[in-house]
N, C-alpha and C. Protein backbone atom coordinates (compact mmCIF):
# COMPACT_ATOMS: atom_id res chain seq x y z
N MET A 1 108.99 134.51 111.34
CA MET A 1 108.67 133.21 110.45
C MET A 1 109.39 132.31 110.81
N SER A 2 108.81 130.82 110.81
CA SER A 2 109.30 129.59 110.94
C SER A 2 110.39 129.57 110.38
N ASP A 3 111.69 128.82 110.71
CA ASP A 3 112.64 128.26 109.99
C ASP A 3 112.41 126.33 109.47
N TYR A 4 111.27 126.17 109.79
CA TYR A 4 110.99 124.81 109.25
C TYR A 4 110.25 124.32 108.41
N VAL A 5 110.01 123.42 107.80
CA VAL A 5 108.74 123.42 106.68
C VAL A 5 108.43 121.86 107.19
N ILE A 6 106.94 122.01 107.06
CA ILE A 6 106.49 120.66 107.26
C ILE A 6 106.43 119.82 106.02
N GLN A 7 106.76 118.70 106.26
CA GLN A 7 106.92 117.55 105.03
C GLN A 7 105.50 116.88 104.73
N MET A 8 104.86 117.32 103.52
CA MET A 8 103.95 116.55 103.29
C MET A 8 103.77 115.29 102.75
N VAL A 9 102.99 114.29 102.54
CA VAL A 9 103.05 113.10 102.15
C VAL A 9 103.07 112.93 100.79
N ASP A 10 104.07 112.23 100.34
CA ASP A 10 104.03 112.19 98.63
C ASP A 10 103.51 110.69 98.18
N PHE A 11 103.40 110.33 97.15
CA PHE A 11 102.91 109.14 96.66
C PHE A 11 103.83 108.08 97.40
N ASP A 12 104.96 107.87 97.27
CA ASP A 12 105.62 106.82 97.85
C ASP A 12 105.57 106.63 99.16
N ASN A 13 105.18 107.77 100.14
CA ASN A 13 104.99 107.57 101.34
C ASN A 13 103.57 107.34 101.88
N ALA A 14 102.63 107.66 100.93
CA ALA A 14 101.20 107.04 101.04
C ALA A 14 101.19 105.79 100.87
N GLN A 15 101.95 105.28 100.03
CA GLN A 15 101.90 103.65 99.94
C GLN A 15 102.41 103.01 100.83
N TYR A 16 103.73 103.30 101.16
CA TYR A 16 104.51 103.16 102.30
C TYR A 16 103.60 102.70 103.85
N ILE A 17 102.86 103.90 103.98
CA ILE A 17 102.21 103.99 105.16
C ILE A 17 100.84 102.87 105.02
N ALA A 18 100.19 102.91 103.82
CA ALA A 18 99.24 102.17 103.67
C ALA A 18 99.52 100.54 103.80
N VAL A 19 100.60 100.01 102.96
CA VAL A 19 101.09 99.00 103.01
C VAL A 19 101.67 98.22 104.45
N ASN A 20 102.34 99.26 105.21
CA ASN A 20 102.61 98.65 106.46
C ASN A 20 101.38 98.55 107.79
N PHE A 21 100.34 99.51 107.22
CA PHE A 21 99.26 99.57 108.13
C PHE A 21 98.31 98.35 107.78
N VAL A 22 98.16 97.69 106.72
CA VAL A 22 97.62 96.60 106.19
C VAL A 22 98.46 95.36 106.74
N LYS A 23 99.62 95.31 106.50
CA LYS A 23 100.71 94.36 106.80
C LYS A 23 100.31 94.21 108.40
N GLU A 24 100.35 94.96 109.23
CA GLU A 24 100.40 94.85 110.74
C GLU A 24 98.63 94.59 111.09
N LYS A 25 97.74 95.09 110.37
CA LYS A 25 96.29 95.28 110.92
C LYS A 25 95.76 93.61 110.54
N LYS A 26 96.18 93.16 109.42
CA LYS A 26 95.67 91.85 108.77
C LYS A 26 96.94 90.70 109.20
N ASN A 27 97.89 91.24 109.53
CA ASN A 27 99.08 89.97 110.23
C ASN A 27 99.32 89.33 108.88
N VAL A 28 99.65 89.98 107.42
CA VAL A 28 99.99 89.30 106.10
C VAL A 28 101.36 89.80 105.78
N SER A 29 102.04 89.10 104.68
CA SER A 29 103.32 89.43 104.59
C SER A 29 102.96 90.20 103.21
N ASN A 30 102.39 89.72 102.48
CA ASN A 30 102.07 90.38 100.84
C ASN A 30 100.98 90.98 100.51
N VAL A 31 101.39 92.46 100.36
CA VAL A 31 100.32 93.25 99.96
C VAL A 31 100.07 93.83 98.74
N ASN A 32 99.45 93.79 97.97
CA ASN A 32 99.28 94.19 96.62
C ASN A 32 98.47 95.44 96.23
N VAL A 33 99.27 96.81 96.17
CA VAL A 33 98.73 97.99 95.84
C VAL A 33 98.30 98.35 94.34
N VAL A 34 96.73 98.37 94.11
CA VAL A 34 96.49 98.37 92.84
C VAL A 34 96.40 100.07 92.34
N ILE A 35 96.24 100.61 92.99
CA ILE A 35 96.06 102.17 92.83
C ILE A 35 96.35 103.12 93.95
N THR A 36 97.09 104.38 93.88
CA THR A 36 97.40 105.37 94.52
C THR A 36 96.95 106.58 94.09
N GLU A 37 96.04 107.26 94.50
CA GLU A 37 95.82 108.80 93.77
C GLU A 37 95.48 109.80 95.00
N SER A 38 95.61 110.64 94.50
CA SER A 38 95.45 112.07 95.36
C SER A 38 94.23 112.53 94.99
N LYS A 39 93.19 112.84 96.16
CA LYS A 39 91.84 113.08 95.70
C LYS A 39 91.47 113.76 96.89
N ASP A 40 90.83 115.31 96.64
CA ASP A 40 90.36 116.04 97.69
C ASP A 40 91.20 116.43 98.78
N GLY A 41 92.73 116.37 98.44
CA GLY A 41 93.41 116.82 99.61
C GLY A 41 94.21 115.45 100.56
N VAL A 42 93.62 114.40 99.98
CA VAL A 42 94.05 113.11 100.78
C VAL A 42 94.82 112.10 99.76
N TRP A 43 95.18 111.09 100.28
CA TRP A 43 95.74 109.99 99.57
C TRP A 43 94.74 108.90 99.71
N VAL A 44 94.41 108.30 98.51
CA VAL A 44 93.56 107.06 98.75
C VAL A 44 94.62 105.78 98.23
N VAL A 45 94.68 104.92 98.68
CA VAL A 45 95.40 103.83 98.51
C VAL A 45 94.62 102.59 98.25
N LYS A 46 94.45 101.73 97.39
CA LYS A 46 93.58 100.87 97.15
C LYS A 46 94.42 99.38 96.51
N GLY A 47 93.89 98.30 97.20
CA GLY A 47 94.55 96.95 96.66
C GLY A 47 94.12 95.86 97.12
N THR A 48 94.93 94.65 97.32
CA THR A 48 94.31 93.15 97.90
C THR A 48 95.59 92.79 98.73
N CYS A 49 94.98 92.01 99.55
CA CYS A 49 95.81 91.27 100.40
C CYS A 49 95.05 89.73 100.78
N PRO A 50 95.99 88.70 100.66
CA PRO A 50 95.37 87.35 101.11
C PRO A 50 95.32 87.35 102.33
N ILE A 51 93.96 86.46 102.73
CA ILE A 51 93.62 86.25 104.03
C ILE A 51 93.28 84.75 103.99
N ASP A 52 93.31 83.92 105.22
CA ASP A 52 92.99 82.55 105.81
C ASP A 52 91.71 82.77 106.23
N LEU A 53 90.75 82.08 105.74
CA LEU A 53 89.00 82.05 106.26
C LEU A 53 88.78 80.72 106.42
N ASP A 54 88.82 80.61 107.61
CA ASP A 54 88.71 79.06 108.08
C ASP A 54 89.23 77.88 107.15
N GLY A 55 90.61 77.87 106.98
CA GLY A 55 91.50 77.28 106.21
C GLY A 55 91.69 77.24 104.86
N HIS A 56 91.03 78.22 104.06
CA HIS A 56 90.78 78.57 102.81
C HIS A 56 91.28 79.86 102.31
N PRO A 57 92.04 79.92 101.55
CA PRO A 57 92.91 80.92 101.11
C PRO A 57 91.84 81.96 100.35
N TRP A 58 91.75 83.22 100.59
CA TRP A 58 90.85 84.15 99.85
C TRP A 58 91.88 85.61 99.83
N ARG A 59 91.11 86.27 98.84
CA ARG A 59 91.48 87.58 98.69
C ARG A 59 90.64 88.75 99.53
N GLU A 60 91.23 89.76 99.91
CA GLU A 60 90.61 90.88 100.47
C GLU A 60 90.96 92.12 100.05
N SER A 61 89.86 93.00 99.54
CA SER A 61 90.46 94.22 98.84
C SER A 61 90.16 95.24 100.23
N PHE A 62 91.21 96.10 99.82
CA PHE A 62 91.17 97.26 101.08
C PHE A 62 91.26 98.61 100.22
N GLU A 63 90.71 99.74 101.15
CA GLU A 63 91.05 101.18 100.54
C GLU A 63 91.50 101.81 101.79
N ILE A 64 92.65 102.41 101.88
CA ILE A 64 93.13 103.46 103.04
C ILE A 64 93.01 105.00 102.65
N VAL A 65 92.67 105.71 103.54
CA VAL A 65 92.66 107.11 103.37
C VAL A 65 93.83 107.78 104.26
N ILE A 66 94.66 108.50 103.64
CA ILE A 66 95.77 109.02 104.48
C ILE A 66 95.82 110.51 104.23
N ASP A 67 95.66 111.38 105.17
CA ASP A 67 95.83 112.60 105.16
C ASP A 67 97.35 113.35 104.83
N GLN A 68 97.36 114.52 104.34
CA GLN A 68 98.42 115.14 104.03
C GLN A 68 99.86 115.23 105.01
N LYS A 69 99.43 114.69 106.23
CA LYS A 69 100.22 114.62 107.25
C LYS A 69 100.83 113.02 107.65
N GLY A 70 100.08 112.43 107.02
CA GLY A 70 100.50 111.18 107.04
C GLY A 70 99.50 110.08 108.05
N LYS A 71 98.38 110.47 108.37
CA LYS A 71 97.68 109.91 109.37
C LYS A 71 96.73 109.43 108.68
N ILE A 72 96.44 108.07 109.23
CA ILE A 72 95.23 107.18 108.56
C ILE A 72 94.02 107.89 109.00
N LYS A 73 93.12 108.33 108.05
CA LYS A 73 91.66 108.78 108.26
C LYS A 73 90.48 107.84 108.22
N ALA A 74 90.65 106.89 107.50
CA ALA A 74 89.70 105.82 107.23
C ALA A 74 90.26 104.41 106.69
N SER A 75 89.79 103.48 107.00
CA SER A 75 90.09 102.31 106.06
C SER A 75 88.95 101.42 106.19
N ASP A 76 88.83 100.31 104.77
CA ASP A 76 87.59 99.86 104.64
C ASP A 76 88.44 98.33 103.92
N PHE A 77 87.81 97.39 104.43
CA PHE A 77 88.34 95.92 104.06
C PHE A 77 87.14 95.20 103.64
N SER A 78 87.15 94.41 102.55
CA SER A 78 85.93 93.52 102.11
C SER A 78 86.48 92.43 101.46
N LEU A 79 85.82 91.18 101.52
CA LEU A 79 85.95 90.02 100.57
C LEU A 79 85.82 90.43 99.46
N MET A 80 86.54 89.89 98.20
CA MET A 80 86.24 89.70 96.75
C MET A 80 85.40 88.41 96.43
């Protein structure tokens, strides 16, 4: 039997992974998480971030799906 335990991603880790992913992908410093929920064995993190679209500030919504090992399985971004 193995002497180690695989650590599963929890609520805080899921938010941390999603926020850092959005910051890196969209090159923004401010990310607002609206909801984080565990659904069907994955974490779904939803929120918004500001973007600059041709010199005009806009908000973009996102949804990031993270598996129990911390790997991003899907991401979706859309203008609000």
